[in-house]
Amino acid sequence: MDNLDKLFYWRGIADEYYNYRGERVAVSLENRRHLLNAMGVNTDSPEAIAEQAYTLDIEPWRNWFPPLLMTDAGEFAHFAINLAPGDLQAKFYYEIFLESGGARSGEFIPASCAEVGDYLYEGIRYSRRAIEVHEIPIGYHRLRVTQVEDASRTMETQFVVVPAQAHTPEWVVQGKRPWGIIVQLYTLRSARNWGIGDFSDLKLLITEAADAGADMIGLNPLHGSSLPDRKSLQSLQSLRSTLPQPSLHRSGNRTGICKEYGGYSAGPGALARTG
């Protein structure tokens, strides 16, 4: 994997995807570079690419931990620390300053803790060790780790303890299996729409799905189009365009305004709103 591919990987930019029809779509190298540029990544030279790839791929392993760590609450709560081989036998002291006040503390020797990852760079094998902290309350805490033999070697980070699982609805506990349809509204087609789904089509979909026994409809975000200065990958009509604006459509000597998703159909000599 070269440095540019590392940037694509760490920035979450894929070279292909499957659209709503199940068709494979390749993403060109040019478009992927444009996405990196939109994220503020400099791809003007091999040197700039290499520097930023190092920052994302290698530098995290040369720091004990990132600016934020998370763990599930409960007996398996832990934090992970990245260490060079020479630090594995050293003794460390940790302090967790609780959001509600007070602190928890303890000592550990990394070599005696479970390894959960490793990275080889320039012949040095960095090791990620999981340090158990057990029952820490849910909340936003601060973690400080210090090497006992050299107190100047210390580092802090945000330490977030989250619930081990989300709320479980009663129907899941009861073993029920509700079902529904997930749909991108703009992909709906009907004999009456103009090539893009609107609320009239949605109403028809809901009615027919309910008649078939469906329990829910999952929709893509339906952003308001009244804020032209706000652009989003979830824009109403196209992932490639800026937020669409109302457009005028003329028929005979009458003019109608077609607002996104509003629901218009063409009638003789004029436009009639249907939803």
Protein backbone atom coordinates (compact mmCIF):
# COMPACT_ATOMS: atom_id res chain seq x y z
CA MET A 1 0.00 0.00 0.00
CA ASP A 2 1.59 3.29 -1.09
CA ASN A 3 1.24 6.55 0.82
CA LEU A 4 -1.68 7.81 -1.26
CA ASP A 5 -3.58 4.57 -0.69
CA LYS A 6 -2.89 4.95 3.05
CA LEU A 7 -4.50 8.38 2.96
CA PHE A 8 -7.55 6.98 1.17
CA TYR A 9 -7.77 4.17 3.72
CA TRP A 10 -7.45 6.31 6.84
CA ARG A 11 -9.81 8.97 5.48
CA GLY A 12 -12.42 6.35 4.62
CA ILE A 13 -12.44 6.92 0.85
CA ALA A 14 -13.29 3.76 -1.09
CA ASP A 15 -12.42 3.09 -4.73
CA GLU A 16 -15.84 1.59 -5.44
CA TYR A 17 -19.36 1.28 -4.07
CA TYR A 18 -22.69 -0.32 -4.95
CA ASN A 19 -25.58 1.99 -5.78
CA TYR A 20 -29.21 1.45 -4.88
CA ARG A 21 -29.69 -0.73 -7.98
CA GLY A 22 -26.95 -3.08 -6.80
CA GLU A 23 -24.62 -1.89 -9.56
CA ARG A 24 -20.90 -1.59 -8.84
CA VAL A 25 -19.62 1.96 -9.36
CA ALA A 26 -15.89 2.66 -9.59
CA VAL A 27 -14.63 5.93 -8.10
CA SER A 28 -11.93 7.52 -10.21
CA LEU A 29 -8.54 8.43 -8.76
CA GLU A 30 -9.23 12.07 -9.66
CA ASN A 31 -12.48 12.13 -7.67
CA ARG A 32 -10.84 10.45 -4.69
CA ARG A 33 -8.07 13.05 -4.71
CA HIS A 34 -10.70 15.79 -4.85
CA LEU A 35 -12.31 14.27 -1.75
CA LEU A 36 -8.97 14.35 0.07
CA ASN A 37 -8.52 17.99 -0.93
CA ALA A 38 -12.02 18.81 0.35
CA MET A 39 -10.93 17.35 3.70
CA GLY A 40 -7.97 19.72 3.77
CA VAL A 41 -5.41 17.10 2.76
CA ASN A 42 -2.54 18.38 0.62
CA THR A 43 -1.84 16.04 -2.30
CA ASP A 44 0.28 18.44 -4.36
CA SER A 45 3.56 16.55 -3.95
CA PRO A 46 4.84 13.08 -2.94
CA GLU A 47 6.53 14.70 0.07
CA ALA A 48 3.25 16.22 1.33
CA ILE A 49 1.43 12.92 0.80
CA ALA A 50 4.16 11.00 2.67
CA GLU A 51 4.09 13.42 5.61
CA GLN A 52 0.33 13.17 6.03
CA ALA A 53 0.36 9.38 5.60
CA TYR A 54 2.93 9.21 8.41
CA THR A 55 0.71 11.36 10.63
CA LEU A 56 -2.29 9.06 10.14
CA ASP A 57 -0.64 5.65 9.86
CA ILE A 58 2.55 5.62 11.94
CA GLU A 59 2.58 8.53 14.37
CA PRO A 60 -0.34 7.16 16.47
CA TRP A 61 1.79 4.13 17.34
CA ARG A 62 4.62 6.36 18.56
CA ASN A 63 2.29 8.07 21.04
CA TRP A 64 0.88 6.28 24.06
CA PHE A 65 -2.69 7.02 23.09
CA PRO A 66 -4.87 9.33 20.94
CA PRO A 67 -6.68 12.48 22.18
CA LEU A 68 -9.71 10.35 23.10
CA LEU A 69 -10.15 6.79 24.34
CA MET A 70 -13.42 4.90 24.83
CA THR A 71 -14.37 1.74 26.65
CA ASP A 72 -17.55 -0.12 27.60
CA ALA A 73 -18.65 0.17 31.20
CA GLY A 74 -18.47 -2.94 33.37
CA GLU A 75 -15.93 -5.48 34.53
CA PHE A 76 -14.08 -5.47 31.21
CA ALA A 77 -13.47 -1.69 31.12
CA HIS A 78 -9.93 -0.91 30.01
CA PHE A 79 -7.73 1.54 28.17
CA ALA A 80 -5.13 0.74 25.51
CA ILE A 81 -1.59 2.13 25.43
CA ASN A 82 0.98 1.94 22.60
CA LEU A 83 4.57 1.26 23.65
CA ALA A 84 8.01 0.63 22.17
CA PRO A 85 9.80 -2.61 23.15
CA GLY A 86 11.96 -0.84 25.76
CA ASP A 87 8.89 0.25 27.73
CA LEU A 88 7.17 -3.11 28.07
CA GLN A 89 8.99 -4.08 31.28
CA ALA A 90 8.71 -0.63 32.88
CA LYS A 91 6.26 0.17 35.67
CA PHE A 92 3.52 2.73 34.99
CA TYR A 93 1.05 4.56 37.21
CA TYR A 94 -2.39 5.61 35.97
CA GLU A 95 -4.92 8.06 37.37
CA ILE A 96 -8.52 8.43 36.17
CA PHE A 97 -10.08 11.74 37.20
CA LEU A 98 -13.82 11.16 37.25
CA GLU A 99 -16.31 13.57 35.71
CA SER A 100 -18.30 13.57 38.97
CA GLY A 101 -15.21 14.22 41.11
CA GLY A 102 -12.73 11.91 42.76
CA ALA A 103 -10.22 9.64 41.08
CA ARG A 104 -9.21 6.02 40.57
CA SER A 105 -5.59 4.92 40.27
CA GLY A 106 -3.39 1.88 39.84
CA GLU A 107 -0.07 0.51 38.57
CA PHE A 108 0.75 -1.83 35.72
CA ILE A 109 3.65 -3.42 33.85
CA PRO A 110 2.69 -3.59 30.15
CA ALA A 111 4.44 -6.91 29.50
CA SER A 112 2.00 -8.60 31.87
CA CYS A 113 -1.07 -7.15 30.11
CA ALA A 114 -2.85 -8.54 27.06
CA GLU A 115 -1.53 -7.45 23.66
CA VAL A 116 -4.34 -6.20 21.40
CA GLY A 117 -2.33 -4.90 18.43
CA ASP A 118 1.13 -4.27 17.04
CA TYR A 119 2.89 -2.27 14.31
CA LEU A 120 6.33 -2.77 12.76
CA TYR A 121 8.10 0.41 11.65
CA GLU A 122 11.78 0.70 10.70
CA GLY A 123 12.52 -2.57 12.46
CA ILE A 124 10.82 -1.54 15.72
CA ARG A 125 7.77 -3.51 16.83
CA TYR A 126 5.33 -1.27 18.70
CA SER A 127 2.87 -3.08 20.96
CA ARG A 128 -0.63 -2.08 22.06
CA ARG A 129 -1.55 -3.35 25.53
CA ALA A 130 -4.98 -3.38 27.22
CA ILE A 131 -4.92 -2.12 30.82
CA GLU A 132 -7.90 -3.26 32.87
CA VAL A 133 -9.55 -0.62 35.08
CA HIS A 134 -12.73 -2.59 35.94
CA GLU A 135 -15.72 -0.71 37.36
CA ILE A 136 -15.48 2.91 36.18
CA PRO A 137 -18.74 4.90 36.07
CA ILE A 138 -20.19 6.01 32.76
CA GLY A 139 -19.02 9.52 31.88
CA TYR A 140 -16.35 11.77 30.39
CA HIS A 141 -13.21 11.36 32.49
CA ARG A 142 -9.52 12.30 32.21
CA LEU A 143 -6.80 9.65 32.10
CA ARG A 144 -3.18 10.36 33.06
CA VAL A 145 -0.41 7.77 32.72
CA THR A 146 3.10 8.29 34.15
CA GLN A 147 6.19 6.09 34.05
CA VAL A 148 7.15 5.40 37.64
CA GLU A 149 10.94 5.49 37.12
CA ASP A 150 10.77 8.73 35.08
CA ALA A 151 7.95 11.08 36.11
CA SER A 152 8.76 13.40 33.19
CA ARG A 153 7.28 10.77 30.89
CA THR A 154 3.58 11.38 31.32
CA MET A 155 0.57 11.82 29.05
CA GLU A 156 -3.12 12.68 29.45
CA THR A 157 -6.17 11.99 27.33
CA GLN A 158 -9.96 12.11 27.43
CA PHE A 159 -11.31 8.78 28.69
CA VAL A 160 -14.98 8.10 27.87
CA VAL A 161 -16.86 5.22 29.49
CA VAL A 162 -20.04 4.30 27.60
CA PRO A 163 -22.88 1.82 28.25
CA ALA A 164 -21.99 -1.72 27.21
CA GLN A 165 -25.09 -1.83 24.99
CA ALA A 166 -27.82 0.47 23.76
CA HIS A 167 -31.40 0.38 25.02
CA THR A 168 -33.13 -2.83 23.99
CA PRO A 169 -36.78 -2.28 22.94
CA GLU A 170 -39.36 -4.55 24.53
CA TRP A 171 -40.30 -6.08 21.18
CA VAL A 172 -36.71 -7.34 20.81
CA VAL A 173 -36.81 -8.88 24.28
CA GLN A 174 -40.09 -10.59 23.32
CA GLY A 175 -38.52 -12.03 20.17
CA LYS A 176 -40.72 -10.15 17.73
CA ARG A 177 -39.38 -9.39 14.25
CA PRO A 178 -40.82 -6.16 12.84
CA TRP A 179 -39.82 -5.32 9.30
CA GLY A 180 -39.85 -2.38 6.97
CA ILE A 181 -38.35 -0.73 3.90
CA ILE A 182 -35.33 1.56 3.78
CA VAL A 183 -35.60 3.94 0.84
CA GLN A 184 -33.87 6.95 -0.65
CA LEU A 185 -36.90 9.11 -1.34
CA TYR A 186 -35.47 10.66 -4.49
CA THR A 187 -35.09 7.19 -6.08
CA LEU A 188 -38.83 6.44 -6.02
CA ARG A 189 -40.41 6.31 -9.47
CA SER A 190 -44.08 6.54 -10.31
CA ALA A 191 -46.23 7.25 -13.35
CA ARG A 192 -47.05 10.72 -11.98
CA ASN A 193 -43.66 12.04 -10.81
CA TRP A 194 -41.05 13.85 -12.88
CA GLY A 195 -38.23 11.37 -12.37
CA ILE A 196 -37.60 12.06 -8.69
CA GLY A 197 -39.62 10.80 -5.73
CA ASP A 198 -41.67 13.29 -3.68
CA PHE A 199 -44.02 13.23 -0.70
CA SER A 200 -46.94 12.00 -2.78
CA ASP A 201 -44.87 8.95 -3.75
CA LEU A 202 -43.86 8.51 -0.11
CA LYS A 203 -47.49 8.55 0.99
CA LEU A 204 -48.31 5.86 -1.58
CA LEU A 205 -45.31 3.78 -0.46
CA ILE A 206 -46.34 4.03 3.21
CA THR A 207 -49.93 3.03 2.40
CA GLU A 208 -48.96 0.02 0.31
CA ALA A 209 -46.21 -1.07 2.73
CA ALA A 210 -48.64 -0.87 5.67
CA ASP A 211 -51.19 -2.92 3.74
CA ALA A 212 -48.47 -5.54 3.23
CA GLY A 213 -47.82 -5.64 6.99
CA ALA A 214 -44.69 -3.46 7.23
CA ASP A 215 -43.98 -1.80 10.58
CA MET A 216 -41.70 1.04 9.48
CA ILE A 217 -40.23 3.08 6.64
CA GLY A 218 -36.57 4.17 6.86
CA LEU A 219 -35.84 7.43 5.02
CA ASN A 220 -32.73 9.28 3.97
CA PRO A 221 -32.37 12.70 5.67
CA LEU A 222 -34.85 15.22 4.25
CA HIS A 223 -32.94 18.48 4.65
CA GLY A 224 -34.64 21.79 4.09
CA SER A 225 -33.49 23.46 0.88
CA SER A 226 -33.80 27.02 2.17
CA LEU A 227 -30.17 27.30 3.28
CA PRO A 228 -28.05 27.57 0.12
CA ASP A 229 -24.85 28.20 2.10
CA ARG A 230 -25.01 24.75 3.67
CA LYS A 231 -23.75 21.94 1.48
CA SER A 232 -23.91 18.29 2.46
CA LEU A 233 -23.24 14.83 1.02
CA GLN A 234 -26.84 14.16 2.09
CA SER A 235 -28.26 16.84 -0.20
CA LEU A 236 -31.76 16.14 -1.44
CA GLN A 237 -31.37 15.30 -5.08
CA SER A 238 -27.76 14.37 -5.75
CA LEU A 239 -24.60 13.56 -3.84
CA ARG A 240 -22.70 15.52 -6.47
CA SER A 241 -24.60 18.78 -6.33
CA THR A 242 -25.09 21.57 -3.86
CA LEU A 243 -28.41 21.85 -2.10
CA PRO A 244 -31.07 22.19 -4.78
CA GLN A 245 -33.22 25.30 -4.95
CA PRO A 246 -36.84 25.73 -6.06
CA SER A 247 -37.10 25.93 -9.84
CA LEU A 248 -39.68 27.43 -12.18
CA HIS A 249 -41.57 25.34 -14.71
CA ARG A 250 -43.74 26.98 -17.36
CA SER A 251 -46.70 25.50 -19.17
CA GLY A 252 -48.66 27.69 -21.57
CA ASN A 253 -48.93 31.08 -19.90
CA ARG A 254 -48.94 29.68 -16.34
CA THR A 255 -45.93 29.28 -14.06
CA GLY A 256 -45.55 26.94 -11.09
CA ILE A 257 -42.75 26.59 -8.55
CA CYS A 258 -41.51 23.02 -8.12
CA LYS A 259 -40.10 22.66 -4.64
CA GLU A 260 -38.12 19.52 -3.85
CA TYR A 261 -40.28 16.63 -2.63
CA GLY A 262 -43.40 18.83 -2.70
CA GLY A 263 -45.28 16.78 -5.24
CA TYR A 264 -46.44 18.30 -8.52
CA SER A 265 -47.96 16.75 -11.60
CA ALA A 266 -48.48 18.33 -14.96
CA GLY A 267 -52.05 19.19 -15.94
CA PRO A 268 -53.49 20.71 -19.11
CA GLY A 269 -52.03 24.19 -19.48
CA ALA A 270 -50.84 24.47 -15.87
CA LEU A 271 -49.22 22.76 -12.92
CA ALA A 272 -51.34 21.24 -10.17
CA ARG A 273 -50.03 20.45 -6.73
CA THR A 274 -50.83 16.86 -5.69
CA GLY A 275 -49.35 16.57 -2.19
